[in-house]
Amino acid sequence: MKFVMVPGGWHGGWVFDSVAVELDRASHQVEAVTLAGLEPDGPPDADRPPNLDTHIDQVAEVIDRCDGTPLALCGHSYGGMVIAGVADRLGPRLGPFVWIRLGSRALVPHLAALSSINNAPRCLNPPPCDARHQAPLPDPA
């Protein structure tokens, strides 16, 4: 399975580096997206201003390049809004969704309702952690 990881605001795909290593060890593929406007090496493309629509387009383009590979779409914080928009656009082509630390559990039913997908979304809200503490993810079963 391929995991498309979408970070929250003020982060880039690099925030998922340690997760990508673990998923790779489990024989999965990972594409961690750095959303337009958050690139560390330059200003955003003037023809593609960073906003929610641009970010949805960007992640949809990543999925279009997957060539039918089974995938899970994961969004952290603001990235949850992005993956909800992608779900609304690409619906049946997508696999499971994971919303990570969305900020408010109350948003999950509203985000899930944007999509006609029958896959139940997952919402992971682990306790705050730092470099000394990694909260384990719940068993998906």
Protein backbone atom coordinates (compact mmCIF):
# COMPACT_ATOMS: atom_id res chain seq x y z
CA MET A 1 0.00 0.00 0.00
CA LYS A 2 1.09 3.56 -0.64
CA PHE A 3 0.56 6.20 2.02
CA VAL A 4 0.10 9.78 0.81
CA MET A 5 0.92 11.94 3.82
CA VAL A 6 -0.32 15.57 3.94
CA PRO A 7 1.09 17.76 6.71
CA GLY A 8 -0.60 20.54 8.59
CA GLY A 9 0.12 24.21 8.10
CA TRP A 10 3.68 25.40 8.64
CA HIS A 11 5.08 21.90 8.08
CA GLY A 12 6.43 20.14 5.03
CA GLY A 13 6.59 16.52 3.98
CA TRP A 14 9.78 16.17 6.03
CA VAL A 15 7.67 16.05 9.19
CA PHE A 16 6.76 12.46 8.21
CA ASP A 17 10.36 11.25 7.71
CA SER A 18 10.39 8.96 10.76
CA VAL A 19 6.94 7.56 9.91
CA ALA A 20 8.09 6.93 6.32
CA VAL A 21 11.04 4.88 7.59
CA GLU A 22 8.73 2.67 9.66
CA LEU A 23 6.22 2.22 6.83
CA ASP A 24 9.06 1.40 4.42
CA ARG A 25 10.27 -1.29 6.83
CA ALA A 26 6.77 -2.79 6.63
CA SER A 27 7.06 -2.85 2.78
CA HIS A 28 4.80 0.14 2.18
CA GLN A 29 5.47 3.16 -0.01
CA VAL A 30 5.19 6.72 1.27
CA GLU A 31 4.82 10.00 -0.53
CA ALA A 32 4.96 12.88 1.91
CA VAL A 33 3.70 16.08 0.29
CA THR A 34 5.05 19.55 0.99
CA LEU A 35 2.12 21.82 0.23
CA ALA A 36 2.57 24.79 -2.10
CA GLY A 37 3.82 27.84 -0.23
CA LEU A 38 5.63 25.82 2.44
CA GLU A 39 8.70 24.83 0.42
CA PRO A 40 11.88 25.46 2.42
CA ASP A 41 13.94 26.42 -0.64
CA GLY A 42 12.00 29.17 -2.30
CA PRO A 43 8.89 31.28 -2.69
CA PRO A 44 5.66 29.74 -3.97
CA ASP A 45 4.87 29.64 -7.66
CA ALA A 46 3.24 32.98 -8.52
CA ASP A 47 0.85 31.18 -10.90
CA ARG A 48 -0.25 28.82 -8.14
CA PRO A 49 -0.96 30.81 -4.99
CA PRO A 50 -1.09 28.69 -1.85
CA ASN A 51 -4.66 28.12 -0.69
CA LEU A 52 -6.97 25.20 0.03
CA ASP A 53 -7.99 24.77 -3.63
CA THR A 54 -4.36 24.74 -4.75
CA HIS A 55 -3.48 22.20 -2.07
CA ILE A 56 -6.38 19.93 -3.05
CA ASP A 57 -5.23 20.13 -6.70
CA GLN A 58 -1.67 19.34 -5.65
CA VAL A 59 -2.59 16.21 -3.69
CA ALA A 60 -5.02 15.07 -6.42
CA GLU A 61 -2.10 15.28 -8.88
CA VAL A 62 -0.01 13.06 -6.60
CA ILE A 63 -2.82 10.50 -6.54
CA ASP A 64 -3.20 10.66 -10.34
CA ARG A 65 0.43 9.54 -10.60
CA CYS A 66 -0.23 6.44 -8.44
CA ASP A 67 -1.48 4.37 -11.40
CA GLY A 68 -4.04 2.38 -9.43
CA THR A 69 -1.71 1.52 -6.53
CA PRO A 70 -3.82 0.93 -3.39
CA LEU A 71 -3.36 3.93 -1.17
CA ALA A 72 -4.22 5.46 2.15
CA LEU A 73 -4.65 9.21 2.34
CA CYS A 74 -3.41 10.69 5.63
CA GLY A 75 -3.82 14.30 6.72
CA HIS A 76 -2.44 16.04 9.79
CA SER A 77 -4.30 19.08 11.16
CA TYR A 78 -4.92 21.44 8.19
CA GLY A 79 -3.94 18.52 5.94
CA GLY A 80 -7.23 16.91 7.06
CA MET A 81 -9.13 19.65 5.23
CA VAL A 82 -7.01 18.99 2.15
CA ILE A 83 -7.67 15.24 2.13
CA ALA A 84 -11.40 15.84 2.67
CA GLY A 85 -11.41 18.01 -0.46
CA VAL A 86 -9.47 15.35 -2.37
CA ALA A 87 -11.99 12.73 -1.18
CA ASP A 88 -14.84 14.87 -2.44
CA ARG A 89 -13.18 15.15 -5.84
CA LEU A 90 -11.76 11.65 -6.37
CA GLY A 91 -14.10 9.58 -4.16
CA PRO A 92 -14.19 5.99 -5.39
CA ARG A 93 -10.54 5.96 -6.46
CA LEU A 94 -9.37 6.31 -2.88
CA GLY A 95 -8.71 3.84 -0.10
CA PRO A 96 -8.78 4.48 3.64
CA PHE A 97 -8.41 7.93 5.19
CA VAL A 98 -6.53 8.84 8.34
CA TRP A 99 -7.01 12.20 10.05
CA ILE A 100 -4.17 12.88 12.51
CA ARG A 101 -4.60 15.44 15.33
CA LEU A 102 -7.33 17.26 13.52
CA GLY A 103 -7.72 19.80 16.29
CA SER A 104 -11.36 19.00 16.97
CA ARG A 105 -12.97 15.57 16.94
CA ALA A 106 -16.22 17.36 16.18
CA LEU A 107 -14.97 18.02 12.63
CA VAL A 108 -14.56 14.35 11.71
CA PRO A 109 -18.24 13.59 10.91
CA HIS A 110 -18.45 16.76 8.82
CA LEU A 111 -15.29 15.93 6.88
CA ALA A 112 -16.39 12.35 6.33
CA ALA A 113 -19.76 13.58 5.05
CA LEU A 114 -18.01 15.48 2.25
CA SER A 115 -17.20 12.19 0.60
CA SER A 116 -19.30 9.39 -0.86
CA ILE A 117 -16.61 6.94 0.20
CA ASN A 118 -17.77 3.94 2.20
CA ASN A 119 -14.38 3.54 3.88
CA ALA A 120 -14.63 4.57 7.50
CA PRO A 121 -12.22 7.41 8.27
CA ARG A 122 -9.83 7.06 11.17
CA CYS A 123 -9.04 9.92 13.51
CA LEU A 124 -5.85 9.66 15.51
CA ASN A 125 -5.57 12.16 18.34
CA PRO A 126 -2.65 10.89 20.39
CA PRO A 127 -1.58 12.82 23.45
CA PRO A 128 0.94 15.59 22.81
CA CYS A 129 4.41 14.16 22.39
CA ASP A 130 7.92 15.39 21.93
CA ALA A 131 11.21 13.77 20.93
CA ARG A 132 11.30 11.82 24.21
CA HIS A 133 7.79 10.36 23.90
CA GLN A 134 6.20 8.76 20.87
CA ALA A 135 2.55 7.85 21.39
CA PRO A 136 1.74 4.47 19.81
CA LEU A 137 -0.94 4.49 17.14
CA PRO A 138 -4.05 2.45 17.90
CA ASP A 139 -4.48 -0.94 16.25
CA PRO A 140 -6.50 -0.41 13.04
CA ALA A 141 -8.61 -3.52 13.71
